[in-house]
Amino acid sequence: MGIWQDGVMVGGLLFFPLDRRVRATEIGYWLGERAAGRGLMTRAARAMLGFAIEELNVNRVGLQAEVGNQRSRAVAERLGFTLEGIRRQAWVGSDGAFVDMASYSLLTSDWQARTDQ
């Protein structure tokens, strides 16, 4: 799904392949600097998560974010994801260096507890 602002794509979200047997997927997202700080990603991800959980019957959504990417991690935390741990040197950053990744998950029960409030 694309995030559009004034006719320009400024971000996007996707689900990695859905494992129907275990009812799990992973979400990924990006947002351009000029669109940051307006709540666009949180709103878009909330809509996508609602679709995955309520329509696709997903039980678990994973999310990976570079440890140093505080904005991406803040989105995950605002949405109710739980930090499961840090995967050391699990990705190669844009500069070619290994980076640690924060691993998060959101369960259907987490989602329901937040939306029932």
PDB file of N, CA and C in Angstrom:
ATOM      1  N   MET A   1       0.847  -1.159   0.000  1.00  0.00           N
ATOM      2  CA  MET A   1       0.000   0.000   0.000  1.00  0.00           C
ATOM      3  C   MET A   1       0.897   1.227   0.000  1.00  0.00           C
ATOM      4  N   GLY A   2       0.546   2.201  -0.806  1.00  0.00           N
ATOM      5  CA  GLY A   2       1.301   3.434  -0.857  1.00  0.00           C
ATOM      6  C   GLY A   2       0.685   4.515   0.009  1.00  0.00           C
ATOM      7  N   ILE A   3       1.520   5.401   0.502  1.00  0.00           N
ATOM      8  CA  ILE A   3       1.072   6.594   1.224  1.00  0.00           C
ATOM      9  C   ILE A   3       1.367   7.767   0.311  1.00  0.00           C
ATOM     10  N   TRP A   4       0.310   8.481  -0.025  1.00  0.00           N
ATOM     11  CA  TRP A   4       0.415   9.574  -0.984  1.00  0.00           C
ATOM     12  C   TRP A   4       0.112  10.905  -0.310  1.00  0.00           C
ATOM     13  N   GLN A   5       0.889  11.913  -0.690  1.00  0.00           N
ATOM     14  CA  GLN A   5       0.697  13.262  -0.169  1.00  0.00           C
ATOM     15  C   GLN A   5       0.861  14.233  -1.336  1.00  0.00           C
ATOM     16  N   ASP A   6      -0.189  14.994  -1.602  1.00  0.00           N
ATOM     17  CA  ASP A   6      -0.163  15.966  -2.710  1.00  0.00           C
ATOM     18  C   ASP A   6       0.238  15.313  -4.035  1.00  0.00           C
ATOM     19  N   GLY A   7      -0.285  14.101  -4.282  1.00  0.00           N
ATOM     20  CA  GLY A   7      -0.033  13.408  -5.535  1.00  0.00           C
ATOM     21  C   GLY A   7       1.317  12.736  -5.649  1.00  0.00           C
ATOM     22  N   VAL A   8       2.091  12.717  -4.569  1.00  0.00           N
ATOM     23  CA  VAL A   8       3.425  12.118  -4.578  1.00  0.00           C
ATOM     24  C   VAL A   8       3.457  10.983  -3.562  1.00  0.00           C
ATOM     25  N   MET A   9       4.025   9.844  -3.970  1.00  0.00           N
ATOM     26  CA  MET A   9       4.166   8.740  -3.031  1.00  0.00           C
ATOM     27  C   MET A   9       5.288   9.069  -2.053  1.00  0.00           C
ATOM     28  N   VAL A  10       4.937   9.126  -0.750  1.00  0.00           N
ATOM     29  CA  VAL A  10       5.900   9.507   0.274  1.00  0.00           C
ATOM     30  C   VAL A  10       6.231   8.355   1.222  1.00  0.00           C
ATOM     31  N   GLY A  11       5.562   7.210   1.035  1.00  0.00           N
ATOM     32  CA  GLY A  11       5.823   6.072   1.907  1.00  0.00           C
ATOM     33  C   GLY A  11       5.066   4.854   1.437  1.00  0.00           C
ATOM     34  N   GLY A  12       5.296   3.749   2.134  1.00  0.00           N
ATOM     35  CA  GLY A  12       4.593   2.534   1.770  1.00  0.00           C
ATOM     36  C   GLY A  12       4.651   1.497   2.873  1.00  0.00           C
ATOM     37  N   LEU A  13       3.732   0.550   2.780  1.00  0.00           N
ATOM     38  CA  LEU A  13       3.653  -0.566   3.723  1.00  0.00           C
ATOM     39  C   LEU A  13       3.421  -1.841   2.945  1.00  0.00           C
ATOM     40  N   LEU A  14       3.855  -2.955   3.506  1.00  0.00           N
ATOM     41  CA  LEU A  14       3.592  -4.246   2.878  1.00  0.00           C
ATOM     42  C   LEU A  14       3.590  -5.327   3.938  1.00  0.00           C
ATOM     43  N   PHE A  15       2.915  -6.413   3.596  1.00  0.00           N
ATOM     44  CA  PHE A  15       3.015  -7.621   4.392  1.00  0.00           C
ATOM     45  C   PHE A  15       3.902  -8.572   3.631  1.00  0.00           C
ATOM     46  N   PHE A  16       4.840  -9.192   4.336  1.00  0.00           N
ATOM     47  CA  PHE A  16       5.634 -10.242   3.744  1.00  0.00           C
ATOM     48  C   PHE A  16       4.728 -11.463   3.655  1.00  0.00           C
ATOM     49  N   PRO A  17       5.096 -12.494   2.943  1.00  0.00           N
ATOM     50  CA  PRO A  17       4.165 -13.608   2.728  1.00  0.00           C
ATOM     51  C   PRO A  17       3.491 -14.088   4.012  1.00  0.00           C
ATOM     52  N   LEU A  18       2.203 -14.323   3.875  1.00  0.00           N
ATOM     53  CA  LEU A  18       1.379 -14.814   4.974  1.00  0.00           C
ATOM     54  C   LEU A  18       1.546 -16.324   5.088  1.00  0.00           C
ATOM     55  N   ASP A  19       1.888 -16.798   6.270  1.00  0.00           N
ATOM     56  CA  ASP A  19       1.958 -18.229   6.534  1.00  0.00           C
ATOM     57  C   ASP A  19       0.601 -18.628   7.104  1.00  0.00           C
ATOM     58  N   ARG A  20      -0.243 -19.192   6.263  1.00  0.00           N
ATOM     59  CA  ARG A  20      -1.616 -19.510   6.672  1.00  0.00           C
ATOM     60  C   ARG A  20      -1.680 -20.618   7.721  1.00  0.00           C
ATOM     61  N   ARG A  21      -0.707 -21.518   7.710  1.00  0.00           N
ATOM     62  CA  ARG A  21      -0.719 -22.609   8.681  1.00  0.00           C
ATOM     63  C   ARG A  21      -0.590 -22.083  10.107  1.00  0.00           C
ATOM     64  N   VAL A  22       0.317 -21.146  10.317  1.00  0.00           N
ATOM     65  CA  VAL A  22       0.508 -20.576  11.660  1.00  0.00           C
ATOM     66  C   VAL A  22      -0.164 -19.208  11.816  1.00  0.00           C
ATOM     67  N   ARG A  23      -0.853 -18.772  10.737  1.00  0.00           N
ATOM     68  CA  ARG A  23      -1.600 -17.506  10.738  1.00  0.00           C
ATOM     69  C   ARG A  23      -0.700 -16.328  11.158  1.00  0.00           C
ATOM     70  N   ALA A  24       0.443 -16.208  10.473  1.00  0.00           N
ATOM     71  CA  ALA A  24       1.422 -15.186  10.816  1.00  0.00           C
ATOM     72  C   ALA A  24       1.947 -14.501   9.560  1.00  0.00           C
ATOM     73  N   THR A  25       2.348 -13.255   9.746  1.00  0.00           N
ATOM     74  CA  THR A  25       2.976 -12.484   8.686  1.00  0.00           C
ATOM     75  C   THR A  25       3.920 -11.488   9.335  1.00  0.00           C
ATOM     76  N   GLU A  26       4.574 -10.682   8.518  1.00  0.00           N
ATOM     77  CA  GLU A  26       5.434  -9.610   9.008  1.00  0.00           C
ATOM     78  C   GLU A  26       5.098  -8.356   8.219  1.00  0.00           C
ATOM     79  N   ILE A  27       5.096  -7.232   8.896  1.00  0.00           N
ATOM     80  CA  ILE A  27       4.817  -5.955   8.241  1.00  0.00           C
ATOM     81  C   ILE A  27       6.128  -5.183   8.084  1.00  0.00           C
ATOM     82  N   GLY A  28       6.224  -4.474   6.986  1.00  0.00           N
ATOM     83  CA  GLY A  28       7.350  -3.582   6.745  1.00  0.00           C
ATOM     84  C   GLY A  28       6.822  -2.244   6.286  1.00  0.00           C
ATOM     85  N   TYR A  29       7.543  -1.183   6.582  1.00  0.00           N
ATOM     86  CA  TYR A  29       7.097   0.141   6.157  1.00  0.00           C
ATOM     87  C   TYR A  29       8.275   1.092   6.006  1.00  0.00           C
ATOM     88  N   TRP A  30       8.032   2.129   5.217  1.00  0.00           N
ATOM     89  CA  TRP A  30       9.009   3.202   5.047  1.00  0.00           C
ATOM     90  C   TRP A  30       8.245   4.504   4.836  1.00  0.00           C
ATOM     91  N   LEU A  31       8.878   5.598   5.204  1.00  0.00           N
ATOM     92  CA  LEU A  31       8.265   6.914   5.032  1.00  0.00           C
ATOM     93  C   LEU A  31       9.359   7.918   4.746  1.00  0.00           C
ATOM     94  N   GLY A  32       9.154   8.721   3.709  1.00  0.00           N
ATOM     95  CA  GLY A  32      10.118   9.760   3.366  1.00  0.00           C
ATOM     96  C   GLY A  32      10.193  10.834   4.439  1.00  0.00           C
ATOM     97  N   GLU A  33      11.338  11.454   4.530  1.00  0.00           N
ATOM     98  CA  GLU A  33      11.597  12.455   5.568  1.00  0.00           C
ATOM     99  C   GLU A  33      10.584  13.603   5.554  1.00  0.00           C
ATOM    100  N   ARG A  34      10.170  14.046   4.380  1.00  0.00           N
ATOM    101  CA  ARG A  34       9.269  15.204   4.307  1.00  0.00           C
ATOM    102  C   ARG A  34       7.850  14.896   4.803  1.00  0.00           C
ATOM    103  N   ALA A  35       7.525  13.613   4.934  1.00  0.00           N
ATOM    104  CA  ALA A  35       6.198  13.223   5.423  1.00  0.00           C
ATOM    105  C   ALA A  35       6.217  12.795   6.888  1.00  0.00           C
ATOM    106  N   ALA A  36       7.388  12.763   7.488  1.00  0.00           N
ATOM    107  CA  ALA A  36       7.522  12.271   8.864  1.00  0.00           C
ATOM    108  C   ALA A  36       6.933  13.250   9.868  1.00  0.00           C
ATOM    109  N   GLY A  37       6.536  12.706  11.007  1.00  0.00           N
ATOM    110  CA  GLY A  37       6.074  13.531  12.118  1.00  0.00           C
ATOM    111  C   GLY A  37       4.629  13.959  12.044  1.00  0.00           C
ATOM    112  N   ARG A  38       3.843  13.366  11.163  1.00  0.00           N
ATOM    113  CA  ARG A  38       2.429  13.755  11.001  1.00  0.00           C
ATOM    114  C   ARG A  38       1.464  12.635  11.361  1.00  0.00           C
ATOM    115  N   GLY A  39       1.982  11.515  11.812  1.00  0.00           N
ATOM    116  CA  GLY A  39       1.130  10.392  12.172  1.00  0.00           C
ATOM    117  C   GLY A  39       0.650   9.564  10.998  1.00  0.00           C
ATOM    118  N   LEU A  40       1.164   9.843   9.800  1.00  0.00           N
ATOM    119  CA  LEU A  40       0.721   9.117   8.612  1.00  0.00           C
ATOM    120  C   LEU A  40       1.002   7.624   8.716  1.00  0.00           C
ATOM    121  N   MET A  41       2.211   7.262   9.144  1.00  0.00           N
ATOM    122  CA  MET A  41       2.567   5.852   9.190  1.00  0.00           C
ATOM    123  C   MET A  41       1.769   5.124  10.260  1.00  0.00           C
ATOM    124  N   THR A  42       1.586   5.735  11.400  1.00  0.00           N
ATOM    125  CA  THR A  42       0.817   5.076  12.459  1.00  0.00           C
ATOM    126  C   THR A  42      -0.603   4.799  11.987  1.00  0.00           C
ATOM    127  N   ARG A  43      -1.245   5.771  11.350  1.00  0.00           N
ATOM    128  CA  ARG A  43      -2.619   5.586  10.861  1.00  0.00           C
ATOM    129  C   ARG A  43      -2.682   4.529   9.763  1.00  0.00           C
ATOM    130  N   ALA A  44      -1.736   4.578   8.830  1.00  0.00           N
ATOM    131  CA  ALA A  44      -1.738   3.608   7.728  1.00  0.00           C
ATOM    132  C   ALA A  44      -1.474   2.195   8.253  1.00  0.00           C
ATOM    133  N   ALA A  45      -0.509   2.052   9.148  1.00  0.00           N
ATOM    134  CA  ALA A  45      -0.197   0.729   9.687  1.00  0.00           C
ATOM    135  C   ALA A  45      -1.362   0.198  10.525  1.00  0.00           C
ATOM    136  N   ARG A  46      -2.032   1.066  11.272  1.00  0.00           N
ATOM    137  CA  ARG A  46      -3.196   0.635  12.049  1.00  0.00           C
ATOM    138  C   ARG A  46      -4.271   0.060  11.125  1.00  0.00           C
ATOM    139  N   ALA A  47      -4.503   0.704  10.006  1.00  0.00           N
ATOM    140  CA  ALA A  47      -5.500   0.209   9.046  1.00  0.00           C
ATOM    141  C   ALA A  47      -5.073  -1.136   8.461  1.00  0.00           C
ATOM    142  N   MET A  48      -3.810  -1.265   8.104  1.00  0.00           N
ATOM    143  CA  MET A  48      -3.313  -2.522   7.541  1.00  0.00           C
ATOM    144  C   MET A  48      -3.385  -3.651   8.570  1.00  0.00           C
ATOM    145  N   LEU A  49      -3.037  -3.359   9.804  1.00  0.00           N
ATOM    146  CA  LEU A  49      -3.088  -4.383  10.848  1.00  0.00           C
ATOM    147  C   LEU A  49      -4.527  -4.822  11.102  1.00  0.00           C
ATOM    148  N   GLY A  50      -5.441  -3.868  11.120  1.00  0.00           N
ATOM    149  CA  GLY A  50      -6.850  -4.214  11.285  1.00  0.00           C
ATOM    150  C   GLY A  50      -7.319  -5.152  10.190  1.00  0.00           C
ATOM    151  N   PHE A  51      -6.921  -4.876   8.964  1.00  0.00           N
ATOM    152  CA  PHE A  51      -7.285  -5.744   7.845  1.00  0.00           C
ATOM    153  C   PHE A  51      -6.700  -7.141   8.038  1.00  0.00           C
ATOM    154  N   ALA A  52      -5.415  -7.214   8.382  1.00  0.00           N
ATOM    155  CA  ALA A  52      -4.757  -8.525   8.529  1.00  0.00           C
ATOM    156  C   ALA A  52      -5.390  -9.345   9.642  1.00  0.00           C
ATOM    157  N   ILE A  53      -5.677  -8.723  10.757  1.00  0.00           N
ATOM    158  CA  ILE A  53      -6.203  -9.454  11.907  1.00  0.00           C
ATOM    159  C   ILE A  53      -7.686  -9.757  11.746  1.00  0.00           C
ATOM    160  N   GLU A  54      -8.444  -8.765  11.326  1.00  0.00           N
ATOM    161  CA  GLU A  54      -9.894  -8.935  11.284  1.00  0.00           C
ATOM    162  C   GLU A  54     -10.399  -9.610  10.008  1.00  0.00           C
ATOM    163  N   GLU A  55      -9.735  -9.394   8.887  1.00  0.00           N
ATOM    164  CA  GLU A  55     -10.203  -9.953   7.616  1.00  0.00           C
ATOM    165  C   GLU A  55      -9.431 -11.201   7.183  1.00  0.00           C
ATOM    166  N   LEU A  56      -8.120 -11.207   7.415  1.00  0.00           N
ATOM    167  CA  LEU A  56      -7.293 -12.342   6.993  1.00  0.00           C
ATOM    168  C   LEU A  56      -7.096 -13.367   8.105  1.00  0.00           C
ATOM    169  N   ASN A  57      -7.587 -13.057   9.303  1.00  0.00           N
ATOM    170  CA  ASN A  57      -7.519 -13.973  10.441  1.00  0.00           C
ATOM    171  C   ASN A  57      -6.083 -14.278  10.862  1.00  0.00           C
ATOM    172  N   VAL A  58      -5.215 -13.272  10.766  1.00  0.00           N
ATOM    173  CA  VAL A  58      -3.827 -13.419  11.200  1.00  0.00           C
ATOM    174  C   VAL A  58      -3.792 -13.369  12.725  1.00  0.00           C
ATOM    175  N   ASN A  59      -2.972 -14.220  13.320  1.00  0.00           N
ATOM    176  CA  ASN A  59      -2.821 -14.224  14.774  1.00  0.00           C
ATOM    177  C   ASN A  59      -1.566 -13.495  15.239  1.00  0.00           C
ATOM    178  N   ARG A  60      -0.539 -13.454  14.373  1.00  0.00           N
ATOM    179  CA  ARG A  60       0.734 -12.847  14.778  1.00  0.00           C
ATOM    180  C   ARG A  60       1.322 -12.039  13.635  1.00  0.00           C
ATOM    181  N   VAL A  61       1.722 -10.811  13.957  1.00  0.00           N
ATOM    182  CA  VAL A  61       2.397  -9.955  12.987  1.00  0.00           C
ATOM    183  C   VAL A  61       3.760  -9.598  13.571  1.00  0.00           C
ATOM    184  N   GLY A  62       4.797  -9.891  12.833  1.00  0.00           N
ATOM    185  CA  GLY A  62       6.147  -9.540  13.244  1.00  0.00           C
ATOM    186  C   GLY A  62       6.565  -8.222  12.611  1.00  0.00           C
ATOM    187  N   LEU A  63       7.591  -7.615  13.169  1.00  0.00           N
ATOM    188  CA  LEU A  63       8.115  -6.350  12.659  1.00  0.00           C
ATOM    189  C   LEU A  63       9.581  -6.272  13.054  1.00  0.00           C
ATOM    190  N   GLN A  64      10.420  -5.855  12.128  1.00  0.00           N
ATOM    191  CA  GLN A  64      11.850  -5.667  12.385  1.00  0.00           C
ATOM    192  C   GLN A  64      12.201  -4.212  12.119  1.00  0.00           C
ATOM    193  N   ALA A  65      12.979  -3.616  12.999  1.00  0.00           N
ATOM    194  CA  ALA A  65      13.423  -2.233  12.800  1.00  0.00           C
ATOM    195  C   ALA A  65      14.875  -2.118  13.255  1.00  0.00           C
ATOM    196  N   GLU A  66      15.652  -1.342  12.513  1.00  0.00           N
ATOM    197  CA  GLU A  66      17.019  -1.102  12.961  1.00  0.00           C
ATOM    198  C   GLU A  66      16.981  -0.508  14.364  1.00  0.00           C
ATOM    199  N   VAL A  67      17.860  -0.977  15.232  1.00  0.00           N
ATOM    200  CA  VAL A  67      17.870  -0.524  16.621  1.00  0.00           C
ATOM    201  C   VAL A  67      17.935   1.000  16.696  1.00  0.00           C
ATOM    202  N   GLY A  68      18.704   1.619  15.850  1.00  0.00           N
ATOM    203  CA  GLY A  68      18.869   3.064  15.882  1.00  0.00           C
ATOM    204  C   GLY A  68      17.758   3.860  15.212  1.00  0.00           C
ATOM    205  N   ASN A  69      16.802   3.187  14.597  1.00  0.00           N
ATOM    206  CA  ASN A  69      15.719   3.884  13.902  1.00  0.00           C
ATOM    207  C   ASN A  69      14.582   4.147  14.896  1.00  0.00           C
ATOM    208  N   GLN A  70      14.740   5.213  15.669  1.00  0.00           N
ATOM    209  CA  GLN A  70      13.792   5.512  16.744  1.00  0.00           C
ATOM    210  C   GLN A  70      12.391   5.822  16.229  1.00  0.00           C
ATOM    211  N   ARG A  71      12.280   6.440  15.071  1.00  0.00           N
ATOM    212  CA  ARG A  71      10.942   6.739  14.529  1.00  0.00           C
ATOM    213  C   ARG A  71      10.183   5.468  14.176  1.00  0.00           C
ATOM    214  N   SER A  72      10.853   4.541  13.529  1.00  0.00           N
ATOM    215  CA  SER A  72      10.211   3.287  13.151  1.00  0.00           C
ATOM    216  C   SER A  72       9.834   2.489  14.389  1.00  0.00           C
ATOM    217  N   ARG A  73      10.706   2.479  15.364  1.00  0.00           N
ATOM    218  CA  ARG A  73      10.427   1.757  16.604  1.00  0.00           C
ATOM    219  C   ARG A  73       9.282   2.421  17.369  1.00  0.00           C
ATOM    220  N   ALA A  74       9.206   3.732  17.326  1.00  0.00           N
ATOM    221  CA  ALA A  74       8.117   4.437  18.016  1.00  0.00           C
ATOM    222  C   ALA A  74       6.767   4.096  17.394  1.00  0.00           C
ATOM    223  N   VAL A  75       6.717   3.961  16.072  1.00  0.00           N
ATOM    224  CA  VAL A  75       5.470   3.551  15.407  1.00  0.00           C
ATOM    225  C   VAL A  75       5.053   2.181  15.931  1.00  0.00           C
ATOM    226  N   ALA A  76       5.979   1.238  15.958  1.00  0.00           N
ATOM    227  CA  ALA A  76       5.678  -0.113  16.437  1.00  0.00           C
ATOM    228  C   ALA A  76       5.131  -0.068  17.861  1.00  0.00           C
ATOM    229  N   GLU A  77       5.751   0.710  18.696  1.00  0.00           N
ATOM    230  CA  GLU A  77       5.338   0.773  20.096  1.00  0.00           C
ATOM    231  C   GLU A  77       3.989   1.475  20.259  1.00  0.00           C
ATOM    232  N   ARG A  78       3.729   2.514  19.466  1.00  0.00           N
ATOM    233  CA  ARG A  78       2.410   3.176  19.508  1.00  0.00           C
ATOM    234  C   ARG A  78       1.301   2.217  19.101  1.00  0.00           C
ATOM    235  N   LEU A  79       1.615   1.292  18.199  1.00  0.00           N
ATOM    236  CA  LEU A  79       0.620   0.344  17.709  1.00  0.00           C
ATOM    237  C   LEU A  79       0.430  -0.855  18.642  1.00  0.00           C
ATOM    238  N   GLY A  80       1.224  -0.947  19.691  1.00  0.00           N
ATOM    239  CA  GLY A  80       1.064  -2.015  20.659  1.00  0.00           C
ATOM    240  C   GLY A  80       1.944  -3.227  20.447  1.00  0.00           C
ATOM    241  N   PHE A  81       2.931  -3.133  19.567  1.00  0.00           N
ATOM    242  CA  PHE A  81       3.867  -4.236  19.374  1.00  0.00           C
ATOM    243  C   PHE A  81       4.713  -4.417  20.636  1.00  0.00           C
ATOM    244  N   THR A  82       5.103  -5.652  20.889  1.00  0.00           N
ATOM    245  CA  THR A  82       5.962  -5.994  22.023  1.00  0.00           C
ATOM    246  C   THR A  82       7.370  -6.254  21.517  1.00  0.00           C
ATOM    247  N   LEU A  83       8.343  -5.632  22.150  1.00  0.00           N
ATOM    248  CA  LEU A  83       9.740  -5.894  21.813  1.00  0.00           C
ATOM    249  C   LEU A  83      10.098  -7.283  22.311  1.00  0.00           C
ATOM    250  N   GLU A  84      10.508  -8.153  21.400  1.00  0.00           N
ATOM    251  CA  GLU A  84      10.875  -9.524  21.764  1.00  0.00           C
ATOM    252  C   GLU A  84      12.366  -9.666  22.011  1.00  0.00           C
ATOM    253  N   GLY A  85      13.143  -8.780  21.429  1.00  0.00           N
ATOM    254  CA  GLY A  85      14.586  -8.857  21.621  1.00  0.00           C
ATOM    255  C   GLY A  85      15.342  -8.169  20.501  1.00  0.00           C
ATOM    256  N   ILE A  86      16.645  -8.196  20.599  1.00  0.00           N
ATOM    257  CA  ILE A  86      17.530  -7.579  19.608  1.00  0.00           C
ATOM    258  C   ILE A  86      18.273  -8.693  18.875  1.00  0.00           C
ATOM    259  N   ARG A  87      18.171  -8.666  17.570  1.00  0.00           N
ATOM    260  CA  ARG A  87      18.896  -9.617  16.720  1.00  0.00           C
ATOM    261  C   ARG A  87      20.196  -8.935  16.296  1.00  0.00           C
ATOM    262  N   ARG A  88      21.316  -9.414  16.827  1.00  0.00           N
ATOM    263  CA  ARG A  88      22.604  -8.762  16.596  1.00  0.00           C
ATOM    264  C   ARG A  88      23.087  -8.960  15.164  1.00  0.00           C
ATOM    265  N   GLN A  89      23.545  -7.864  14.562  1.00  0.00           N
ATOM    266  CA  GLN A  89      24.100  -7.861  13.205  1.00  0.00           C
ATOM    267  C   GLN A  89      23.235  -8.671  12.240  1.00  0.00           C
ATOM    268  N   ALA A  90      21.938  -8.440  12.296  1.00  0.00           N
ATOM    269  CA  ALA A  90      20.982  -9.226  11.508  1.00  0.00           C
ATOM    270  C   ALA A  90      20.667  -8.619  10.152  1.00  0.00           C
ATOM    271  N   TRP A  91      21.187  -7.447   9.851  1.00  0.00           N
ATOM    272  CA  TRP A  91      20.870  -6.770   8.602  1.00  0.00           C
ATOM    273  C   TRP A  91      22.076  -5.971   8.166  1.00  0.00           C
ATOM    274  N   VAL A  92      22.123  -5.640   6.904  1.00  0.00           N
ATOM    275  CA  VAL A  92      23.174  -4.762   6.385  1.00  0.00           C
ATOM    276  C   VAL A  92      22.539  -3.422   6.081  1.00  0.00           C
ATOM    277  N   GLY A  93      23.041  -2.380   6.717  1.00  0.00           N
ATOM    278  CA  GLY A  93      22.508  -1.033   6.538  1.00  0.00           C
ATOM    279  C   GLY A  93      22.882  -0.439   5.194  1.00  0.00           C
ATOM    280  N   SER A  94      22.368   0.752   4.940  1.00  0.00           N
ATOM    281  CA  SER A  94      22.611   1.419   3.653  1.00  0.00           C
ATOM    282  C   SER A  94      24.085   1.726   3.425  1.00  0.00           C
ATOM    283  N   ASP A  95      24.867   1.803   4.496  1.00  0.00           N
ATOM    284  CA  ASP A  95      26.303   2.063   4.351  1.00  0.00           C
ATOM    285  C   ASP A  95      27.124   0.778   4.219  1.00  0.00           C
ATOM    286  N   GLY A  96      26.441  -0.383   4.183  1.00  0.00           N
ATOM    287  CA  GLY A  96      27.120  -1.651   4.022  1.00  0.00           C
ATOM    288  C   GLY A  96      27.565  -2.306   5.323  1.00  0.00           C
ATOM    289  N   ALA A  97      27.381  -1.624   6.447  1.00  0.00           N
ATOM    290  CA  ALA A  97      27.781  -2.174   7.742  1.00  0.00           C
ATOM    291  C   ALA A  97      26.641  -3.009   8.331  1.00  0.00           C
ATOM    292  N   PHE A  98      27.011  -4.015   9.105  1.00  0.00           N
ATOM    293  CA  PHE A  98      26.003  -4.806   9.804  1.00  0.00           C
ATOM    294  C   PHE A  98      25.322  -3.949  10.864  1.00  0.00           C
ATOM    295  N   VAL A  99      24.016  -4.150  11.032  1.00  0.00           N
ATOM    296  CA  VAL A  99      23.264  -3.425  12.056  1.00  0.00           C
ATOM    297  C   VAL A  99      22.430  -4.414  12.865  1.00  0.00           C
ATOM    298  N   ASP A 100      22.197  -4.047  14.114  1.00  0.00           N
ATOM    299  CA  ASP A 100      21.326  -4.827  14.980  1.00  0.00           C
ATOM    300  C   ASP A 100      19.875  -4.463  14.674  1.00  0.00           C
ATOM    301  N   MET A 101      18.998  -5.459  14.803  1.00  0.00           N
ATOM    302  CA  MET A 101      17.576  -5.259  14.523  1.00  0.00           C
ATOM    303  C   MET A 101      16.747  -5.536  15.765  1.00  0.00           C
ATOM    304  N   ALA A 102      15.816  -4.623  16.045  1.00  0.00           N
ATOM    305  CA  ALA A 102      14.850  -4.837  17.118  1.00  0.00           C
ATOM    306  C   ALA A 102      13.718  -5.672  16.540  1.00  0.00           C
ATOM    307  N   SER A 103      13.390  -6.764  17.218  1.00  0.00           N
ATOM    308  CA  SER A 103      12.352  -7.680  16.754  1.00  0.00           C
ATOM    309  C   SER A 103      11.108  -7.509  17.616  1.00  0.00           C
ATOM    310  N   TYR A 104       9.987  -7.212  16.963  1.00  0.00           N
ATOM    311  CA  TYR A 104       8.716  -6.964  17.635  1.00  0.00           C
ATOM    312  C   TYR A 104       7.662  -7.948  17.152  1.00  0.00           C
ATOM    313  N   SER A 105       6.608  -8.104  17.959  1.00  0.00           N
ATOM    314  CA  SER A 105       5.443  -8.865  17.515  1.00  0.00           C
ATOM    315  C   SER A 105       4.176  -8.240  18.071  1.00  0.00           C
ATOM    316  N   LEU A 106       3.096  -8.486  17.353  1.00  0.00           N
ATOM    317  CA  LEU A 106       1.758  -8.076  17.771  1.00  0.00           C
ATOM    318  C   LEU A 106       0.858  -9.289  17.583  1.00  0.00           C
ATOM    319  N   LEU A 107       0.192  -9.707  18.653  1.00  0.00           N
ATOM    320  CA  LEU A 107      -0.733 -10.834  18.594  1.00  0.00           C
ATOM    321  C   LEU A 107      -2.164 -10.329  18.500  1.00  0.00           C
ATOM    322  N   THR A 108      -3.043 -11.179  17.996  1.00  0.00           N
ATOM    323  CA  THR A 108      -4.455 -10.817  17.935  1.00  0.00           C
ATOM    324  C   THR A 108      -4.958 -10.393  19.306  1.00  0.00           C
ATOM    325  N   SER A 109      -4.557 -11.089  20.353  1.00  0.00           N
ATOM    326  CA  SER A 109      -5.011 -10.739  21.705  1.00  0.00           C
ATOM    327  C   SER A 109      -4.529  -9.353  22.118  1.00  0.00           C
ATOM    328  N   ASP A 110      -3.299  -8.957  21.700  1.00  0.00           N
ATOM    329  CA  ASP A 110      -2.798  -7.602  21.971  1.00  0.00           C
ATOM    330  C   ASP A 110      -3.671  -6.573  21.268  1.00  0.00           C
ATOM    331  N   TRP A 111      -3.960  -6.850  20.003  1.00  0.00           N
ATOM    332  CA  TRP A 111      -4.771  -5.952  19.176  1.00  0.00           C
ATOM    333  C   TRP A 111      -6.161  -5.762  19.779  1.00  0.00           C
ATOM    334  N   GLN A 112      -6.777  -6.865  20.158  1.00  0.00           N
ATOM    335  CA  GLN A 112      -8.127  -6.802  20.710  1.00  0.00           C
ATOM    336  C   GLN A 112      -8.150  -6.046  22.032  1.00  0.00           C
ATOM    337  N   ALA A 113      -7.142  -6.224  22.862  1.00  0.00           N
ATOM    338  CA  ALA A 113      -7.081  -5.510  24.132  1.00  0.00           C
ATOM    339  C   ALA A 113      -7.000  -4.009  23.912  1.00  0.00           C
ATOM    340  N   ARG A 114      -6.280  -3.566  22.861  1.00  0.00           N
ATOM    341  CA  ARG A 114      -6.140  -2.137  22.577  1.00  0.00           C
ATOM    342  C   ARG A 114      -7.392  -1.565  21.924  1.00  0.00           C
ATOM    343  N   THR A 115      -8.041  -2.345  21.071  1.00  0.00           N
ATOM    344  CA  THR A 115      -9.208  -1.822  20.344  1.00  0.00           C
ATOM    345  C   THR A 115     -10.480  -1.906  21.170  1.00  0.00           C
ATOM    346  N   ASP A 116     -10.475  -2.724  22.229  1.00  0.00           N
ATOM    347  CA  ASP A 116     -11.643  -2.832  23.114  1.00  0.00           C
ATOM    348  C   ASP A 116     -11.720  -1.705  24.130  1.00  0.00           C
ATOM    349  N   GLN A 117     -10.671  -0.911  24.242  1.00  0.00           N
ATOM    350  CA  GLN A 117     -10.637   0.165  25.230  1.00  0.00           C
ATOM    351  C   GLN A 117     -11.546   1.310  24.864  1.00  0.00           C
TER     352      GLN A 117
END
